[in-house]
Amino acid sequence: METEDGVLVIRRIFVHHRLVAPEDVRNTVEEVHRTYPMHCPLYRTLHRCIEFKISYQLVAAAEAAAPAGT
């Protein structure tokens, strides 16, 4: 957030998806990640006035089930 005339203003939104899925769906995940923004009502409404950074992380199911710190 930034301040403009003493008012907080949102300039950037960072979206990070953490997906638990097998590695063999990576191509599908990449395709969805690439086309997702223009199918998202919030993005379509705001992308001309707010900068969006959208990323994802593909996590193997076994890794996701492991206790934190292992």
C-alpha atoms as a PDB file:
ATOM      1  CA  MET A   1       0.000   0.000   0.000  1.00  0.00           C
ATOM      2  CA  GLU A   2       0.995   3.544  -0.581  1.00  0.00           C
ATOM      3  CA  THR A   3      -0.281   6.832   0.735  1.00  0.00           C
ATOM      4  CA  GLU A   4      -1.820   9.443  -1.526  1.00  0.00           C
ATOM      5  CA  ASP A   5      -2.867  12.719   0.110  1.00  0.00           C
ATOM      6  CA  GLY A   6      -2.861  10.947   3.480  1.00  0.00           C
ATOM      7  CA  VAL A   7      -5.099   8.095   2.245  1.00  0.00           C
ATOM      8  CA  LEU A   8      -3.944   4.486   1.892  1.00  0.00           C
ATOM      9  CA  VAL A   9      -4.123   3.376  -1.746  1.00  0.00           C
ATOM     10  CA  ILE A  10      -3.692  -0.175  -3.071  1.00  0.00           C
ATOM     11  CA  ARG A  11      -1.207  -0.150  -5.961  1.00  0.00           C
ATOM     12  CA  ARG A  12      -0.212  -3.837  -6.169  1.00  0.00           C
ATOM     13  CA  ILE A  13      -1.795  -7.192  -5.372  1.00  0.00           C
ATOM     14  CA  PHE A  14       0.310 -10.332  -5.038  1.00  0.00           C
ATOM     15  CA  VAL A  15      -1.525 -13.653  -5.480  1.00  0.00           C
ATOM     16  CA  HIS A  16       0.284 -16.930  -4.835  1.00  0.00           C
ATOM     17  CA  HIS A  17      -1.470 -20.254  -5.355  1.00  0.00           C
ATOM     18  CA  ARG A  18      -0.065 -23.309  -3.583  1.00  0.00           C
ATOM     19  CA  LEU A  19      -1.337 -26.372  -5.416  1.00  0.00           C
ATOM     20  CA  VAL A  20      -1.054 -29.892  -4.066  1.00  0.00           C
ATOM     21  CA  ALA A  21      -1.020 -32.155  -7.114  1.00  0.00           C
ATOM     22  CA  PRO A  22       1.135 -34.750  -8.862  1.00  0.00           C
ATOM     23  CA  GLU A  23       3.935 -33.533 -11.117  1.00  0.00           C
ATOM     24  CA  ASP A  24       2.279 -35.044 -14.203  1.00  0.00           C
ATOM     25  CA  VAL A  25      -0.381 -32.293 -14.176  1.00  0.00           C
ATOM     26  CA  ARG A  26       2.176 -29.473 -14.439  1.00  0.00           C
ATOM     27  CA  ASN A  27       1.289 -28.702 -18.087  1.00  0.00           C
ATOM     28  CA  THR A  28      -2.378 -28.332 -17.152  1.00  0.00           C
ATOM     29  CA  VAL A  29      -1.491 -26.158 -14.155  1.00  0.00           C
ATOM     30  CA  GLU A  30       0.662 -23.901 -16.343  1.00  0.00           C
ATOM     31  CA  GLU A  31      -2.132 -23.551 -18.910  1.00  0.00           C
ATOM     32  CA  VAL A  32      -4.693 -22.671 -16.252  1.00  0.00           C
ATOM     33  CA  HIS A  33      -2.248 -20.262 -14.592  1.00  0.00           C
ATOM     34  CA  ARG A  34      -1.686 -18.510 -17.931  1.00  0.00           C
ATOM     35  CA  THR A  35      -5.394 -18.141 -18.788  1.00  0.00           C
ATOM     36  CA  TYR A  36      -6.823 -17.700 -15.277  1.00  0.00           C
ATOM     37  CA  PRO A  37      -6.485 -13.913 -14.900  1.00  0.00           C
ATOM     38  CA  MET A  38      -8.778 -12.986 -17.776  1.00  0.00           C
ATOM     39  CA  HIS A  39     -11.432 -15.387 -16.393  1.00  0.00           C
ATOM     40  CA  CYS A  40     -11.271 -13.894 -12.895  1.00  0.00           C
ATOM     41  CA  PRO A  41     -13.878 -11.147 -12.267  1.00  0.00           C
ATOM     42  CA  LEU A  42     -11.686  -9.343  -9.739  1.00  0.00           C
ATOM     43  CA  TYR A  43      -8.683  -9.280 -12.071  1.00  0.00           C
ATOM     44  CA  ARG A  44     -10.805  -8.161 -15.036  1.00  0.00           C
ATOM     45  CA  THR A  45     -12.261  -5.338 -12.954  1.00  0.00           C
ATOM     46  CA  LEU A  46      -9.016  -4.039 -11.482  1.00  0.00           C
ATOM     47  CA  HIS A  47      -6.076  -4.951 -13.737  1.00  0.00           C
ATOM     48  CA  ARG A  48      -6.035  -1.603 -15.524  1.00  0.00           C
ATOM     49  CA  CYS A  49      -5.560   0.363 -12.312  1.00  0.00           C
ATOM     50  CA  ILE A  50      -3.743  -2.067  -9.974  1.00  0.00           C
ATOM     51  CA  GLU A  51      -0.629  -4.100 -10.730  1.00  0.00           C
ATOM     52  CA  PHE A  52      -1.123  -7.839 -10.204  1.00  0.00           C
ATOM     53  CA  LYS A  53       1.625 -10.409  -9.631  1.00  0.00           C
ATOM     54  CA  ILE A  54       0.223 -13.941  -9.879  1.00  0.00           C
ATOM     55  CA  SER A  55       2.350 -16.997  -9.190  1.00  0.00           C
ATOM     56  CA  TYR A  56       1.939 -20.616  -8.227  1.00  0.00           C
ATOM     57  CA  GLN A  57       3.822 -23.395  -6.505  1.00  0.00           C
ATOM     58  CA  LEU A  58       3.153 -27.027  -7.373  1.00  0.00           C
ATOM     59  CA  VAL A  59       3.653 -29.226  -4.303  1.00  0.00           C
ATOM     60  CA  ALA A  60       3.707 -33.022  -4.333  1.00  0.00           C
ATOM     61  CA  ALA A  61       1.038 -34.626  -2.131  1.00  0.00           C
ATOM     62  CA  ALA A  62       3.689 -36.433  -0.046  1.00  0.00           C
ATOM     63  CA  GLU A  63       5.516 -33.157   0.574  1.00  0.00           C
ATOM     64  CA  ALA A  64       2.289 -31.393   1.564  1.00  0.00           C
ATOM     65  CA  ALA A  65       1.429 -34.149   4.080  1.00  0.00           C
ATOM     66  CA  ALA A  66       4.862 -34.013   5.769  1.00  0.00           C
ATOM     67  CA  PRO A  67       4.957 -32.165   9.105  1.00  0.00           C
ATOM     68  CA  ALA A  68       6.425 -28.662   8.954  1.00  0.00           C
ATOM     69  CA  GLY A  69      10.189 -28.511   9.346  1.00  0.00           C
ATOM     70  CA  THR A  70      10.932 -31.982   7.942  1.00  0.00           C
END
